[in-house]
Amino acid sequence: MDNQLIIADFVMHKECISRLLRNLTAINEDHLGFAPETLNDAHLGTIRKLQHELEKVAELAGLDAQSIVEGDD
């Protein structure tokens, strides 16, 4: 594949990641759209699953997810 095509594709994917991160940050700041007084076990399961998946993404990106989770970042 031509290097210019690789660069263009890379940039496109990076922009998609940026949009995803912006939207994830926004919904996280809004407590995932859940009102605190309505939280239940299903909400807890959802947020635990999200954290688990984000830890895997962080590791894939070369970050030490465990240190980040523990606040050692």
PDB file of N, CA and C in Angstrom:
ATOM      1  N   MET A   1       0.852  -1.185   0.000  1.00  0.00           N
ATOM      2  CA  MET A   1       0.000   0.000   0.000  1.00  0.00           C
ATOM      3  C   MET A   1       0.892   1.240   0.000  1.00  0.00           C
ATOM      4  N   ASP A   2       0.547   2.204  -0.788  1.00  0.00           N
ATOM      5  CA  ASP A   2       1.267   3.472  -0.897  1.00  0.00           C
ATOM      6  C   ASP A   2       1.304   4.168   0.464  1.00  0.00           C
ATOM      7  N   ASN A   3       2.471   4.724   0.814  1.00  0.00           N
ATOM      8  CA  ASN A   3       2.638   5.371   2.116  1.00  0.00           C
ATOM      9  C   ASN A   3       1.657   6.524   2.319  1.00  0.00           C
ATOM     10  N   GLN A   4       1.352   7.266   1.266  1.00  0.00           N
ATOM     11  CA  GLN A   4       0.388   8.366   1.399  1.00  0.00           C
ATOM     12  C   GLN A   4      -1.002   7.831   1.747  1.00  0.00           C
ATOM     13  N   LEU A   5      -1.363   6.687   1.182  1.00  0.00           N
ATOM     14  CA  LEU A   5      -2.644   6.064   1.516  1.00  0.00           C
ATOM     15  C   LEU A   5      -2.652   5.572   2.957  1.00  0.00           C
ATOM     16  N   ILE A   6      -1.531   5.027   3.389  1.00  0.00           N
ATOM     17  CA  ILE A   6      -1.413   4.565   4.774  1.00  0.00           C
ATOM     18  C   ILE A   6      -1.564   5.740   5.727  1.00  0.00           C
ATOM     19  N   ILE A   7      -0.880   6.839   5.432  1.00  0.00           N
ATOM     20  CA  ILE A   7      -0.970   8.031   6.277  1.00  0.00           C
ATOM     21  C   ILE A   7      -2.405   8.544   6.327  1.00  0.00           C
ATOM     22  N   ALA A   8      -3.053   8.635   5.182  1.00  0.00           N
ATOM     23  CA  ALA A   8      -4.432   9.126   5.131  1.00  0.00           C
ATOM     24  C   ALA A   8      -5.363   8.211   5.928  1.00  0.00           C
ATOM     25  N   ASP A   9      -5.185   6.914   5.794  1.00  0.00           N
ATOM     26  CA  ASP A   9      -6.016   5.957   6.521  1.00  0.00           C
ATOM     27  C   ASP A   9      -5.760   6.056   8.024  1.00  0.00           C
ATOM     28  N   PHE A  10      -4.495   6.176   8.400  1.00  0.00           N
ATOM     29  CA  PHE A  10      -4.121   6.313   9.807  1.00  0.00           C
ATOM     30  C   PHE A  10      -4.779   7.548  10.413  1.00  0.00           C
ATOM     31  N   VAL A  11      -4.673   8.672   9.718  1.00  0.00           N
ATOM     32  CA  VAL A  11      -5.255   9.928  10.200  1.00  0.00           C
ATOM     33  C   VAL A  11      -6.770   9.798  10.328  1.00  0.00           C
ATOM     34  N   MET A  12      -7.406   9.146   9.367  1.00  0.00           N
ATOM     35  CA  MET A  12      -8.851   8.952   9.435  1.00  0.00           C
ATOM     36  C   MET A  12      -9.241   8.164  10.686  1.00  0.00           C
ATOM     37  N   HIS A  13      -8.494   7.093  10.976  1.00  0.00           N
ATOM     38  CA  HIS A  13      -8.784   6.289  12.162  1.00  0.00           C
ATOM     39  C   HIS A  13      -8.496   7.069  13.443  1.00  0.00           C
ATOM     40  N   LYS A  14      -7.443   7.865  13.434  1.00  0.00           N
ATOM     41  CA  LYS A  14      -7.121   8.688  14.596  1.00  0.00           C
ATOM     42  C   LYS A  14      -8.237   9.688  14.868  1.00  0.00           C
ATOM     43  N   GLU A  15      -8.786  10.284  13.814  1.00  0.00           N
ATOM     44  CA  GLU A  15      -9.897  11.226  13.973  1.00  0.00           C
ATOM     45  C   GLU A  15     -11.137  10.520  14.523  1.00  0.00           C
ATOM     46  N   CYS A  16     -11.382   9.302  14.081  1.00  0.00           N
ATOM     47  CA  CYS A  16     -12.510   8.524  14.617  1.00  0.00           C
ATOM     48  C   CYS A  16     -12.312   8.255  16.107  1.00  0.00           C
ATOM     49  N   ILE A  17     -11.099   7.885  16.483  1.00  0.00           N
ATOM     50  CA  ILE A  17     -10.793   7.650  17.894  1.00  0.00           C
ATOM     51  C   ILE A  17     -11.019   8.924  18.696  1.00  0.00           C
ATOM     52  N   SER A  18     -10.587  10.058  18.174  1.00  0.00           N
ATOM     53  CA  SER A  18     -10.788  11.334  18.871  1.00  0.00           C
ATOM     54  C   SER A  18     -12.270  11.618  19.087  1.00  0.00           C
ATOM     55  N   ARG A  19     -13.091  11.363  18.072  1.00  0.00           N
ATOM     56  CA  ARG A  19     -14.540  11.577  18.216  1.00  0.00           C
ATOM     57  C   ARG A  19     -15.127  10.629  19.259  1.00  0.00           C
ATOM     58  N   LEU A  20     -14.718   9.378  19.224  1.00  0.00           N
ATOM     59  CA  LEU A  20     -15.196   8.416  20.217  1.00  0.00           C
ATOM     60  C   LEU A  20     -14.805   8.845  21.630  1.00  0.00           C
ATOM     61  N   LEU A  21     -13.553   9.265  21.797  1.00  0.00           N
ATOM     62  CA  LEU A  21     -13.091   9.688  23.119  1.00  0.00           C
ATOM     63  C   LEU A  21     -13.839  10.916  23.617  1.00  0.00           C
ATOM     64  N   ARG A  22     -14.090  11.871  22.729  1.00  0.00           N
ATOM     65  CA  ARG A  22     -14.859  13.064  23.124  1.00  0.00           C
ATOM     66  C   ARG A  22     -16.250  12.678  23.600  1.00  0.00           C
ATOM     67  N   ASN A  23     -16.889  11.797  22.856  1.00  0.00           N
ATOM     68  CA  ASN A  23     -18.243  11.386  23.223  1.00  0.00           C
ATOM     69  C   ASN A  23     -18.258  10.530  24.483  1.00  0.00           C
ATOM     70  N   LEU A  24     -17.281   9.667  24.644  1.00  0.00           N
ATOM     71  CA  LEU A  24     -17.183   8.884  25.875  1.00  0.00           C
ATOM     72  C   LEU A  24     -16.939   9.781  27.078  1.00  0.00           C
ATOM     73  N   THR A  25     -16.087  10.781  26.918  1.00  0.00           N
ATOM     74  CA  THR A  25     -15.831  11.724  28.005  1.00  0.00           C
ATOM     75  C   THR A  25     -17.099  12.476  28.371  1.00  0.00           C
ATOM     76  N   ALA A  26     -17.831  12.921  27.374  1.00  0.00           N
ATOM     77  CA  ALA A  26     -19.065  13.673  27.634  1.00  0.00           C
ATOM     78  C   ALA A  26     -20.087  12.818  28.371  1.00  0.00           C
ATOM     79  N   ILE A  27     -20.286  11.588  27.927  1.00  0.00           N
ATOM     80  CA  ILE A  27     -21.286  10.754  28.598  1.00  0.00           C
ATOM     81  C   ILE A  27     -20.805  10.330  29.981  1.00  0.00           C
ATOM     82  N   ASN A  28     -19.500  10.167  30.150  1.00  0.00           N
ATOM     83  CA  ASN A  28     -18.950   9.842  31.464  1.00  0.00           C
ATOM     84  C   ASN A  28     -19.186  10.994  32.437  1.00  0.00           C
ATOM     85  N   GLU A  29     -18.997  12.215  31.969  1.00  0.00           N
ATOM     86  CA  GLU A  29     -19.220  13.382  32.829  1.00  0.00           C
ATOM     87  C   GLU A  29     -20.690  13.525  33.209  1.00  0.00           C
ATOM     88  N   ASP A  30     -21.576  12.907  32.433  1.00  0.00           N
ATOM     89  CA  ASP A  30     -23.015  12.922  32.710  1.00  0.00           C
ATOM     90  C   ASP A  30     -23.448  11.613  33.387  1.00  0.00           C
ATOM     91  N   HIS A  31     -22.515  10.936  34.055  1.00  0.00           N
ATOM     92  CA  HIS A  31     -22.807   9.684  34.767  1.00  0.00           C
ATOM     93  C   HIS A  31     -23.443   8.645  33.841  1.00  0.00           C
ATOM     94  N   LEU A  32     -22.974   8.618  32.593  1.00  0.00           N
ATOM     95  CA  LEU A  32     -23.472   7.699  31.565  1.00  0.00           C
ATOM     96  C   LEU A  32     -24.963   7.888  31.299  1.00  0.00           C
ATOM     97  N   GLY A  33     -25.456   9.062  31.631  1.00  0.00           N
ATOM     98  CA  GLY A  33     -26.867   9.363  31.403  1.00  0.00           C
ATOM     99  C   GLY A  33     -27.786   8.811  32.479  1.00  0.00           C
ATOM    100  N   PHE A  34     -27.211   8.238  33.535  1.00  0.00           N
ATOM    101  CA  PHE A  34     -28.007   7.660  34.616  1.00  0.00           C
ATOM    102  C   PHE A  34     -28.137   8.658  35.759  1.00  0.00           C
ATOM    103  N   ALA A  35     -29.337   8.802  36.283  1.00  0.00           N
ATOM    104  CA  ALA A  35     -29.545   9.630  37.472  1.00  0.00           C
ATOM    105  C   ALA A  35     -29.082   8.822  38.684  1.00  0.00           C
ATOM    106  N   PRO A  36     -28.224   9.406  39.539  1.00  0.00           N
ATOM    107  CA  PRO A  36     -27.686   8.653  40.684  1.00  0.00           C
ATOM    108  C   PRO A  36     -28.756   7.957  41.527  1.00  0.00           C
ATOM    109  N   GLU A  37     -29.898   8.585  41.696  1.00  0.00           N
ATOM    110  CA  GLU A  37     -30.939   7.987  42.543  1.00  0.00           C
ATOM    111  C   GLU A  37     -31.639   6.798  41.881  1.00  0.00           C
ATOM    112  N   THR A  38     -31.379   6.574  40.602  1.00  0.00           N
ATOM    113  CA  THR A  38     -32.018   5.447  39.905  1.00  0.00           C
ATOM    114  C   THR A  38     -31.052   4.294  39.642  1.00  0.00           C
ATOM    115  N   LEU A  39     -29.815   4.391  40.112  1.00  0.00           N
ATOM    116  CA  LEU A  39     -28.824   3.350  39.836  1.00  0.00           C
ATOM    117  C   LEU A  39     -29.249   2.009  40.418  1.00  0.00           C
ATOM    118  N   ASN A  40     -28.942   0.952  39.661  1.00  0.00           N
ATOM    119  CA  ASN A  40     -29.237  -0.403  40.124  1.00  0.00           C
ATOM    120  C   ASN A  40     -28.094  -1.327  39.697  1.00  0.00           C
ATOM    121  N   ASP A  41     -28.256  -2.613  39.963  1.00  0.00           N
ATOM    122  CA  ASP A  41     -27.202  -3.587  39.643  1.00  0.00           C
ATOM    123  C   ASP A  41     -26.854  -3.611  38.162  1.00  0.00           C
ATOM    124  N   ALA A  42     -27.822  -3.408  37.302  1.00  0.00           N
ATOM    125  CA  ALA A  42     -27.561  -3.408  35.860  1.00  0.00           C
ATOM    126  C   ALA A  42     -26.646  -2.248  35.480  1.00  0.00           C
ATOM    127  N   HIS A  43     -26.869  -1.085  36.075  1.00  0.00           N
ATOM    128  CA  HIS A  43     -26.004   0.066  35.802  1.00  0.00           C
ATOM    129  C   HIS A  43     -24.575  -0.221  36.264  1.00  0.00           C
ATOM    130  N   LEU A  44     -24.461  -0.850  37.433  1.00  0.00           N
ATOM    131  CA  LEU A  44     -23.141  -1.203  37.949  1.00  0.00           C
ATOM    132  C   LEU A  44     -22.447  -2.181  37.008  1.00  0.00           C
ATOM    133  N   GLY A  45     -23.186  -3.148  36.503  1.00  0.00           N
ATOM    134  CA  GLY A  45     -22.618  -4.091  35.540  1.00  0.00           C
ATOM    135  C   GLY A  45     -22.160  -3.399  34.274  1.00  0.00           C
ATOM    136  N   THR A  46     -22.943  -2.441  33.816  1.00  0.00           N
ATOM    137  CA  THR A  46     -22.589  -1.692  32.606  1.00  0.00           C
ATOM    138  C   THR A  46     -21.296  -0.921  32.804  1.00  0.00           C
ATOM    139  N   ILE A  47     -21.176  -0.215  33.923  1.00  0.00           N
ATOM    140  CA  ILE A  47     -19.980   0.610  34.119  1.00  0.00           C
ATOM    141  C   ILE A  47     -18.748  -0.259  34.364  1.00  0.00           C
ATOM    142  N   ARG A  48     -18.927  -1.394  35.024  1.00  0.00           N
ATOM    143  CA  ARG A  48     -17.800  -2.317  35.206  1.00  0.00           C
ATOM    144  C   ARG A  48     -17.329  -2.859  33.857  1.00  0.00           C
ATOM    145  N   LYS A  49     -18.273  -3.219  32.997  1.00  0.00           N
ATOM    146  CA  LYS A  49     -17.926  -3.728  31.663  1.00  0.00           C
ATOM    147  C   LYS A  49     -17.214  -2.653  30.849  1.00  0.00           C
ATOM    148  N   LEU A  50     -17.715  -1.423  30.908  1.00  0.00           N
ATOM    149  CA  LEU A  50     -17.058  -0.322  30.196  1.00  0.00           C
ATOM    150  C   LEU A  50     -15.631  -0.132  30.687  1.00  0.00           C
ATOM    151  N   GLN A  51     -15.438  -0.149  32.006  1.00  0.00           N
ATOM    152  CA  GLN A  51     -14.089   0.006  32.547  1.00  0.00           C
ATOM    153  C   GLN A  51     -13.189  -1.118  32.061  1.00  0.00           C
ATOM    154  N   HIS A  52     -13.675  -2.341  32.117  1.00  0.00           N
ATOM    155  CA  HIS A  52     -12.883  -3.495  31.684  1.00  0.00           C
ATOM    156  C   HIS A  52     -12.458  -3.353  30.217  1.00  0.00           C
ATOM    157  N   GLU A  53     -13.402  -2.995  29.370  1.00  0.00           N
ATOM    158  CA  GLU A  53     -13.100  -2.844  27.946  1.00  0.00           C
ATOM    159  C   GLU A  53     -12.132  -1.684  27.705  1.00  0.00           C
ATOM    160  N   LEU A  54     -12.306  -0.585  28.437  1.00  0.00           N
ATOM    161  CA  LEU A  54     -11.391   0.554  28.282  1.00  0.00           C
ATOM    162  C   LEU A  54      -9.986   0.208  28.777  1.00  0.00           C
ATOM    163  N   GLU A  55      -9.894  -0.611  29.820  1.00  0.00           N
ATOM    164  CA  GLU A  55      -8.577  -1.068  30.277  1.00  0.00           C
ATOM    165  C   GLU A  55      -7.890  -1.874  29.175  1.00  0.00           C
ATOM    166  N   LYS A  56      -8.640  -2.720  28.481  1.00  0.00           N
ATOM    167  CA  LYS A  56      -8.064  -3.496  27.377  1.00  0.00           C
ATOM    168  C   LYS A  56      -7.599  -2.575  26.251  1.00  0.00           C
ATOM    169  N   VAL A  57      -8.379  -1.554  25.950  1.00  0.00           N
ATOM    170  CA  VAL A  57      -7.992  -0.588  24.912  1.00  0.00           C
ATOM    171  C   VAL A  57      -6.728   0.152  25.340  1.00  0.00           C
ATOM    172  N   ALA A  58      -6.661   0.556  26.603  1.00  0.00           N
ATOM    173  CA  ALA A  58      -5.478   1.260  27.104  1.00  0.00           C
ATOM    174  C   ALA A  58      -4.234   0.383  26.969  1.00  0.00           C
ATOM    175  N   GLU A  59      -4.352  -0.890  27.327  1.00  0.00           N
ATOM    176  CA  GLU A  59      -3.222  -1.816  27.197  1.00  0.00           C
ATOM    177  C   GLU A  59      -2.813  -1.969  25.734  1.00  0.00           C
ATOM    178  N   LEU A  60      -3.795  -2.075  24.848  1.00  0.00           N
ATOM    179  CA  LEU A  60      -3.514  -2.181  23.415  1.00  0.00           C
ATOM    180  C   LEU A  60      -2.749  -0.958  22.920  1.00  0.00           C
ATOM    181  N   ALA A  61      -3.040   0.205  23.510  1.00  0.00           N
ATOM    182  CA  ALA A  61      -2.374   1.450  23.124  1.00  0.00           C
ATOM    183  C   ALA A  61      -1.006   1.600  23.794  1.00  0.00           C
ATOM    184  N   GLY A  62      -0.607   0.606  24.588  1.00  0.00           N
ATOM    185  CA  GLY A  62       0.711   0.644  25.210  1.00  0.00           C
ATOM    186  C   GLY A  62       0.742   1.299  26.577  1.00  0.00           C
ATOM    187  N   LEU A  63      -0.430   1.528  27.161  1.00  0.00           N
ATOM    188  CA  LEU A  63      -0.494   2.141  28.482  1.00  0.00           C
ATOM    189  C   LEU A  63      -0.552   1.065  29.559  1.00  0.00           C
ATOM    190  N   ASP A  64      -0.140   1.429  30.763  1.00  0.00           N
ATOM    191  CA  ASP A  64      -0.237   0.529  31.906  1.00  0.00           C
ATOM    192  C   ASP A  64      -1.579   0.787  32.581  1.00  0.00           C
ATOM    193  N   ALA A  65      -2.592   0.070  32.142  1.00  0.00           N
ATOM    194  CA  ALA A  65      -3.957   0.306  32.625  1.00  0.00           C
ATOM    195  C   ALA A  65      -4.065   0.115  34.126  1.00  0.00           C
ATOM    196  N   GLN A  66      -3.366  -0.866  34.676  1.00  0.00           N
ATOM    197  CA  GLN A  66      -3.451  -1.122  36.114  1.00  0.00           C
ATOM    198  C   GLN A  66      -2.958   0.077  36.908  1.00  0.00           C
ATOM    199  N   SER A  67      -1.858   0.676  36.483  1.00  0.00           N
ATOM    200  CA  SER A  67      -1.349   1.869  37.170  1.00  0.00           C
ATOM    201  C   SER A  67      -2.330   3.026  37.056  1.00  0.00           C
ATOM    202  N   ILE A  68      -2.951   3.155  35.903  1.00  0.00           N
ATOM    203  CA  ILE A  68      -3.932   4.226  35.706  1.00  0.00           C
ATOM    204  C   ILE A  68      -5.122   4.008  36.632  1.00  0.00           C
ATOM    205  N   VAL A  69      -5.630   2.768  36.684  1.00  0.00           N
ATOM    206  CA  VAL A  69      -6.783   2.448  37.531  1.00  0.00           C
ATOM    207  C   VAL A  69      -6.457   2.700  38.999  1.00  0.00           C
ATOM    208  N   GLU A  70      -5.233   2.368  39.393  1.00  0.00           N
ATOM    209  CA  GLU A  70      -4.825   2.549  40.787  1.00  0.00           C
ATOM    210  C   GLU A  70      -4.462   3.994  41.102  1.00  0.00           C
ATOM    211  N   GLY A  71      -4.456   4.855  40.085  1.00  0.00           N
ATOM    212  CA  GLY A  71      -4.150   6.265  40.307  1.00  0.00           C
ATOM    213  C   GLY A  71      -2.673   6.582  40.338  1.00  0.00           C
ATOM    214  N   ASP A  72      -1.854   5.662  39.820  1.00  0.00           N
ATOM    215  CA  ASP A  72      -0.403   5.860  39.810  1.00  0.00           C
ATOM    216  C   ASP A  72       0.094   6.488  38.516  1.00  0.00           C
ATOM    217  N   ASP A  73      -0.836   7.001  37.706  1.00  0.00           N
ATOM    218  CA  ASP A  73      -0.436   7.563  36.418  1.00  0.00           C
ATOM    219  C   ASP A  73       0.109   8.935  36.652  1.00  0.00           C
TER     220      ASP A  73
END
